[in-house]
Amino acid sequence: IPIHPEQDLSKATVFPGGSILLSVPLSAKGEVFGIMLAKEVMNTLAFQEKRMEIITGIAQQVALAIQNERFKQNLVESQRIEQEFELARQSQKTFLPAEIPRLYRWEMDARWTPARQVGGDFYDIIQLDKDRIGLVIADVADKGMAAALYMTVARTLIRAYSQNETSPASVLEKVNNLLMPDSQEINFVTAIYAILNKRNNKITYANAGHNLPLLIRAIDNQVVELQKGGISLGVLENIHLVEHEFTIQPGDILLLYTDGVTEAFNGLNETFGMEHLYTFASNNNKRTAQEFLDYLELEIKNFAGDTQASDDITLVCLKRQS
C-alpha cells in the first residue's frame, strides 16, 4: 500500500503484518531534488507513525546534503570560470601599452576600466617615428569575451597598417575591409585614429563613428567638439572616412573617451552626460594630463555612487605644455 507521509493514517486501511511503501519528497527551501522510497512492515499504527517521523527526518537530511553538494559543485565551477576570466583580463591588458611615452613639452595619460572582467574598449599609443605619435581609442559594440576577442583583432590590424600608412583615414578604411568578412550585427567598432606631429604641433585624425573628441582651449577655457567622422568599422565595405587636421596650442588639452563616460548612471537612473563632462573639462583644464584624468575618474565615481558600471570606460588625454 503506497502511503505519502502527509497522509492521515487513521483513514487508511492498513493490515498488521502487511507492507507499506512510503514515498518521501527530497526537498529543501522549496527546491525538489527527488523522492525517497521506503518499504515498511506494518505492526501497530502508533509504531508506524513514529517510524514515518523518523523517515521524514532522514529525507530532510538527505535533501540538505544534496543541496550542499550542488552548492559546492557550483562554487567550484564559478571559481574556475572566474579564474579563466581573470586570465583573459590579464591577457587583454598585455595588448594595451605597457607604459605611457614621455614627450618633451607634451603630457599624455590614459585610463582603461572594463565594466566586466574583460571589455571591448581599448586604446593604443604607437611611436611611428621620432616626430610622430599615433593615438587610438576604440569601442566594440558588445561586452564580455566576444567583445574582447574582437577588440584584439581590431587593435592588431590598426597597429599593422599604421606602420606603413601615413593617413589615419586610410588605416581605418583598410581595417574595416578586413573586419567585414567576420563581422556580425553586434560586432562593429567605433574608433578614432589620430597622429600627433611634434614638429609642427598638428594633429591629423579620422573618426569612424566614435564619440567626438574634445579640445579644451587654454586661451578661453572653451570646450570644443571636434568635427564628425564617418561610419563605424565592420558595418559596410569600402567606406570612405574624412580626415581632419588642427593645431593644438600651448596649454590645450585633447580628450578622447568612450561612451562609458557620458552614459555612466547614478542611483536615480540619470546619466553623467555631455553637459557634466563639458563643465568638468572647462573647470580643470589647468591641471596636468594625469591630474585631469585622476579628477575625471573621481568625478564619475562620485556621480555613480554605488551604481555598478554598465559599460567600459576608456580615456586618453594629451596636453601641450604652456
Protein backbone atom coordinates (compact mmCIF):
# COMPACT_ATOMS: atom_id res chain seq x y z
CA ILE A 1 0.00 0.00 0.00
CA PRO A 2 1.73 3.27 -1.04
CA ILE A 3 1.29 5.99 1.59
CA HIS A 4 2.54 9.59 1.49
CA PRO A 5 3.97 10.86 4.80
CA GLU A 6 1.40 13.66 4.97
CA GLN A 7 -1.48 11.21 4.56
CA ASP A 8 -3.75 10.72 7.60
CA LEU A 9 -3.05 7.08 8.59
CA SER A 10 -6.22 6.92 10.67
CA LYS A 11 -8.22 6.94 7.44
CA ALA A 12 -6.00 4.38 5.68
CA THR A 13 -6.87 0.70 5.59
CA VAL A 14 -3.72 -0.95 6.90
CA PHE A 15 -3.42 -4.58 7.95
CA PRO A 16 -0.99 -5.53 10.75
CA GLY A 17 1.83 -7.59 9.31
CA GLY A 18 1.33 -6.13 5.84
CA SER A 19 3.82 -3.99 3.92
CA ILE A 20 3.56 -0.32 3.01
CA LEU A 21 5.66 1.77 0.63
CA LEU A 22 6.47 5.25 1.92
CA SER A 23 7.09 7.99 -0.68
CA VAL A 24 9.00 10.92 0.84
CA PRO A 25 9.95 14.02 -1.20
CA LEU A 26 13.56 15.19 -1.02
CA SER A 27 13.19 18.97 -0.86
CA ALA A 28 14.91 21.93 0.79
CA LYS A 29 13.89 25.58 0.67
CA GLY A 30 11.29 24.92 -2.00
CA GLU A 31 13.67 23.04 -4.32
CA VAL A 32 12.78 19.40 -5.02
CA PHE A 33 15.67 17.01 -5.70
CA GLY A 34 13.78 13.71 -5.93
CA ILE A 35 11.85 11.13 -3.93
CA MET A 36 12.96 8.66 -1.27
CA LEU A 37 11.07 5.36 -1.14
CA ALA A 38 10.99 3.17 1.98
CA LYS A 39 9.30 -0.20 2.44
CA GLU A 40 7.92 -0.80 5.93
CA VAL A 41 6.25 -3.78 7.60
CA MET A 42 3.16 -2.60 9.49
CA ASN A 43 2.90 -3.68 13.11
CA THR A 44 0.85 -1.16 15.08
CA LEU A 45 -0.48 2.16 13.85
CA ALA A 46 1.25 4.16 16.62
CA PHE A 47 4.57 2.47 15.92
CA GLN A 48 4.21 3.17 12.22
CA GLU A 49 3.53 6.92 12.76
CA LYS A 50 6.76 7.19 14.78
CA ARG A 51 8.67 5.43 12.01
CA MET A 52 7.28 7.86 9.45
CA GLU A 53 8.52 10.83 11.50
CA ILE A 54 12.00 9.29 11.56
CA ILE A 55 11.98 8.56 7.81
CA THR A 56 10.74 12.08 7.04
CA GLY A 57 13.58 13.50 9.13
CA ILE A 58 16.08 11.33 7.27
CA ALA A 59 14.67 12.58 3.94
CA GLN A 60 15.18 16.16 5.05
CA GLN A 61 18.81 15.48 5.97
CA VAL A 62 19.40 13.78 2.61
CA ALA A 63 17.87 16.76 0.79
CA LEU A 64 20.15 19.17 2.67
CA ALA A 65 23.18 17.01 1.86
CA ILE A 66 22.26 17.03 -1.86
CA GLN A 67 21.75 20.80 -1.76
CA ASN A 68 25.14 21.35 -0.09
CA GLU A 69 26.87 19.12 -2.63
CA ARG A 70 25.33 21.02 -5.54
CA PHE A 71 26.33 24.29 -3.92
CA LYS A 72 29.92 23.07 -3.65
CA GLN A 73 29.93 21.97 -7.30
CA ASN A 74 28.51 25.32 -8.43
CA LEU A 75 31.06 27.16 -6.29
CA VAL A 76 33.93 25.20 -7.82
CA GLU A 77 32.59 25.89 -11.33
CA SER A 78 32.15 29.58 -10.57
CA GLN A 79 35.71 29.79 -9.25
CA ARG A 80 37.00 28.06 -12.38
CA ILE A 81 35.14 30.48 -14.64
CA GLU A 82 36.34 33.42 -12.54
CA GLN A 83 39.94 32.24 -12.90
CA GLU A 84 39.52 31.90 -16.66
CA PHE A 85 38.10 35.42 -16.92
CA GLU A 86 40.89 36.81 -14.77
CA LEU A 87 43.42 35.11 -17.06
CA ALA A 88 41.61 36.62 -20.06
CA ARG A 89 41.69 40.03 -18.39
CA GLN A 90 45.43 39.79 -17.76
CA SER A 91 45.98 38.64 -21.34
CA GLN A 92 43.89 41.52 -22.65
CA LYS A 93 45.89 44.03 -20.63
CA THR A 94 49.04 42.89 -22.43
CA PHE A 95 47.56 44.35 -25.64
CA LEU A 96 47.44 47.80 -24.03
CA PRO A 97 50.56 49.98 -23.91
CA ALA A 98 52.89 48.86 -21.13
CA GLU A 99 53.78 52.48 -20.36
CA ILE A 100 52.87 55.98 -21.48
CA PRO A 101 55.66 57.63 -23.54
CA ARG A 102 57.33 60.70 -22.07
CA LEU A 103 57.36 63.52 -24.60
CA TYR A 104 59.28 66.78 -24.40
CA ARG A 105 56.83 69.65 -23.80
CA TRP A 106 53.88 67.27 -24.03
CA GLU A 107 51.91 65.36 -21.40
CA MET A 108 50.00 62.18 -22.05
CA ASP A 109 47.99 59.75 -19.92
CA ALA A 110 45.31 57.09 -20.35
CA ARG A 111 42.81 55.01 -18.36
CA TRP A 112 41.12 51.67 -19.11
CA THR A 113 38.35 50.37 -16.82
CA PRO A 114 36.23 47.48 -18.17
CA ALA A 115 32.72 47.06 -16.74
CA ARG A 116 33.25 43.29 -16.56
CA GLN A 117 36.36 41.15 -16.18
CA VAL A 118 37.13 41.77 -19.85
CA GLY A 119 35.93 44.56 -22.10
CA GLY A 120 35.53 45.81 -25.64
CA ASP A 121 37.18 49.21 -25.18
CA PHE A 122 40.83 49.72 -25.98
CA TYR A 123 43.39 52.41 -26.58
CA ASP A 124 46.85 52.40 -28.08
CA ILE A 125 49.83 54.73 -28.33
CA ILE A 126 52.11 53.99 -31.27
CA GLN A 127 55.55 55.50 -31.80
CA LEU A 128 55.58 55.92 -35.59
CA ASP A 129 58.91 57.75 -35.83
CA LYS A 130 60.87 60.32 -33.83
CA ASP A 131 58.37 63.09 -34.60
CA ARG A 132 55.02 61.32 -34.94
CA ILE A 133 52.91 59.53 -32.32
CA GLY A 134 49.76 57.55 -33.15
CA LEU A 135 46.81 57.69 -30.73
CA VAL A 136 43.98 55.17 -30.91
CA ILE A 137 40.77 54.80 -28.94
CA ALA A 138 38.01 52.36 -29.88
CA ASP A 139 34.88 50.68 -28.59
CA VAL A 140 33.46 47.32 -29.72
CA ALA A 141 29.66 47.28 -29.72
CA ASP A 142 29.37 44.39 -27.28
CA LYS A 143 30.69 43.29 -23.90
CA GLY A 144 32.37 40.29 -22.37
CA MET A 145 34.57 37.70 -24.03
CA ALA A 146 33.23 38.15 -27.58
CA ALA A 147 33.97 41.88 -27.47
CA ALA A 148 37.42 41.24 -26.00
CA LEU A 149 38.35 38.90 -28.86
CA TYR A 150 37.05 41.34 -31.48
CA MET A 151 38.94 44.15 -29.78
CA THR A 152 42.17 42.14 -30.03
CA VAL A 153 41.70 41.66 -33.78
CA ALA A 154 40.88 45.35 -34.39
CA ARG A 155 43.81 46.58 -32.32
CA THR A 156 46.24 44.26 -34.12
CA LEU A 157 45.04 45.40 -37.56
CA ILE A 158 45.30 49.10 -36.69
CA ARG A 159 48.84 48.60 -35.40
CA ALA A 160 49.84 46.66 -38.51
CA TYR A 161 48.53 49.22 -41.04
CA SER A 162 49.80 52.23 -39.08
CA GLN A 163 53.40 51.18 -39.74
CA ASN A 164 53.14 51.81 -43.49
CA GLU A 165 50.22 54.24 -43.87
CA THR A 166 50.64 57.94 -43.13
CA SER A 167 46.91 58.67 -43.44
CA PRO A 168 44.70 57.86 -40.40
CA ALA A 169 41.63 57.61 -42.64
CA SER A 170 43.35 55.12 -44.93
CA VAL A 171 44.38 52.98 -41.95
CA LEU A 172 40.83 52.73 -40.63
CA GLU A 173 39.37 52.10 -44.10
CA LYS A 174 41.71 49.15 -44.66
CA VAL A 175 40.99 47.78 -41.18
CA ASN A 176 37.28 47.99 -41.96
CA ASN A 177 37.61 45.84 -45.09
CA LEU A 178 39.45 43.14 -43.17
CA LEU A 179 36.92 43.15 -40.35
CA MET A 180 33.92 42.83 -42.68
CA PRO A 181 34.14 39.07 -43.53
CA ASP A 182 33.96 38.13 -39.83
CA SER A 183 31.69 40.94 -38.72
CA GLN A 184 28.29 40.26 -37.16
CA GLU A 185 25.45 42.63 -36.41
CA ILE A 186 26.58 43.15 -32.80
CA ASN A 187 30.27 43.29 -33.61
CA PHE A 188 31.19 46.64 -35.06
CA VAL A 189 33.84 49.04 -33.83
CA THR A 190 33.79 52.78 -33.33
CA ALA A 191 37.32 54.17 -33.47
CA ILE A 192 39.48 57.26 -33.68
CA TYR A 193 43.00 57.17 -35.03
CA ALA A 194 44.98 60.38 -34.61
CA ILE A 195 48.59 61.24 -35.42
CA LEU A 196 50.44 63.91 -33.45
CA ASN A 197 53.29 65.62 -35.28
CA LYS A 198 55.51 67.14 -32.61
CA ARG A 199 57.46 69.25 -35.11
CA ASN A 200 54.51 71.38 -36.21
CA ASN A 201 52.11 70.71 -33.27
CA LYS A 202 49.44 69.45 -35.65
CA ILE A 203 47.07 66.54 -35.09
CA THR A 204 45.59 64.67 -38.03
CA TYR A 205 42.74 62.29 -37.27
CA ALA A 206 39.92 60.20 -38.68
CA ASN A 207 36.79 59.26 -36.75
CA ALA A 208 34.87 56.05 -37.53
CA GLY A 209 31.59 56.58 -35.70
CA HIS A 210 33.19 57.29 -32.31
CA ASN A 211 32.34 59.89 -29.66
CA LEU A 212 33.59 63.29 -30.81
CA PRO A 213 36.93 64.23 -29.21
CA LEU A 214 37.02 67.30 -27.02
CA LEU A 215 39.56 70.11 -27.35
CA ILE A 216 39.78 72.21 -24.20
CA ARG A 217 41.37 75.51 -25.19
CA ALA A 218 43.66 77.21 -22.69
CA ILE A 219 43.17 80.69 -24.10
CA ASP A 220 39.45 80.96 -23.19
CA ASN A 221 38.59 77.71 -21.32
CA GLN A 222 36.20 76.79 -24.11
CA VAL A 223 35.39 73.13 -24.76
CA VAL A 224 35.16 72.39 -28.48
CA GLU A 225 33.80 69.22 -30.06
CA LEU A 226 35.97 68.22 -32.99
CA GLN A 227 34.41 67.53 -36.36
CA LYS A 228 32.39 64.44 -37.07
CA GLY A 229 33.72 61.39 -38.86
CA GLY A 230 32.17 58.55 -40.82
CA ILE A 231 30.53 55.21 -40.21
CA SER A 232 31.75 52.61 -37.70
CA LEU A 233 34.11 49.83 -38.74
CA GLY A 234 32.64 46.44 -39.65
CA VAL A 235 29.29 47.71 -40.94
CA LEU A 236 29.78 48.35 -44.67
CA GLU A 237 32.51 47.51 -47.15
CA ASN A 238 34.70 50.14 -48.81
CA ILE A 239 33.77 53.02 -46.55
CA HIS A 240 35.22 56.50 -47.02
CA LEU A 241 36.33 58.42 -43.93
CA VAL A 242 37.01 62.15 -43.85
CA GLU A 243 40.35 63.25 -42.44
CA HIS A 244 40.69 66.37 -40.28
CA GLU A 245 43.67 68.38 -39.07
CA PHE A 246 44.10 71.08 -36.42
CA THR A 247 46.87 72.73 -34.42
CA ILE A 248 46.98 72.18 -30.69
CA GLN A 249 48.06 75.38 -28.95
CA PRO A 250 50.13 75.71 -25.74
CA GLY A 251 48.07 74.69 -22.71
CA ASP A 252 45.37 72.97 -24.82
CA ILE A 253 44.06 69.54 -23.83
CA LEU A 254 42.77 66.87 -26.20
CA LEU A 255 40.43 64.32 -24.60
CA LEU A 256 39.47 61.06 -26.27
CA TYR A 257 36.86 58.97 -24.44
CA THR A 258 34.35 56.15 -24.87
CA ASP A 259 30.61 56.37 -24.21
CA GLY A 260 31.01 54.66 -20.84
CA VAL A 261 31.86 58.15 -19.54
CA THR A 262 28.79 60.08 -20.65
CA GLU A 263 26.47 57.07 -20.15
CA ALA A 264 27.56 56.33 -16.58
CA PHE A 265 24.43 56.00 -14.42
CA ASN A 266 23.74 57.02 -10.84
CA GLY A 267 21.17 55.68 -8.37
CA LEU A 268 18.44 57.94 -9.83
CA ASN A 269 18.98 56.43 -13.30
CA GLU A 270 20.50 59.71 -14.51
CA THR A 271 23.48 59.73 -16.88
CA PHE A 272 26.72 61.65 -16.42
CA GLY A 273 26.03 63.34 -19.75
CA MET A 274 27.87 65.71 -22.05
CA GLU A 275 26.98 68.87 -20.13
CA HIS A 276 28.57 67.46 -16.98
CA LEU A 277 31.67 66.49 -18.96
CA TYR A 278 31.88 69.97 -20.54
CA THR A 279 31.66 71.67 -17.16
CA PHE A 280 34.34 69.43 -15.68
CA ALA A 281 36.68 69.92 -18.65
CA SER A 282 36.34 73.70 -18.60
CA ASN A 283 36.98 73.89 -14.84
CA ASN A 284 40.00 71.58 -14.84
CA ASN A 285 42.00 72.46 -17.95
CA LYS A 286 44.86 73.93 -15.90
CA ARG A 287 45.70 70.52 -14.48
CA THR A 288 48.33 68.18 -15.86
CA ALA A 289 47.15 65.33 -18.10
CA GLN A 290 47.50 62.84 -15.26
CA GLU A 291 45.65 65.07 -12.80
CA PHE A 292 42.94 65.76 -15.36
CA LEU A 293 42.17 62.04 -15.71
CA ASP A 294 42.55 61.37 -11.99
CA TYR A 295 39.96 64.02 -11.16
CA LEU A 296 37.67 62.98 -14.03
CA GLU A 297 37.65 59.38 -12.79
CA LEU A 298 36.85 60.64 -9.30
CA GLU A 299 34.06 62.86 -10.67
CA ILE A 300 32.46 59.89 -12.46
CA LYS A 301 32.85 57.67 -9.38
CA ASN A 302 31.23 60.25 -7.10
CA PHE A 303 28.39 60.72 -9.58
CA ALA A 304 27.69 56.99 -9.92
CA GLY A 305 27.95 56.25 -6.20
CA ASP A 306 27.18 52.58 -5.54
CA THR A 307 25.69 52.03 -9.01
CA GLN A 308 27.66 49.40 -10.89
CA ALA A 309 29.18 50.50 -14.19
CA SER A 310 27.16 49.30 -17.18
CA ASP A 311 29.82 50.00 -19.80
CA ASP A 312 33.60 50.13 -20.14
CA ILE A 313 35.31 53.47 -19.55
CA THR A 314 38.43 54.40 -21.51
CA LEU A 315 40.16 57.79 -21.56
CA VAL A 316 43.15 59.22 -23.41
CA CYS A 317 44.41 62.71 -22.57
CA LEU A 318 47.03 64.72 -24.46
CA LYS A 319 48.19 68.17 -23.30
CA ARG A 320 50.65 70.56 -24.85
CA GLN A 321 52.54 72.28 -22.06
CA SER A 322 52.33 76.04 -21.83
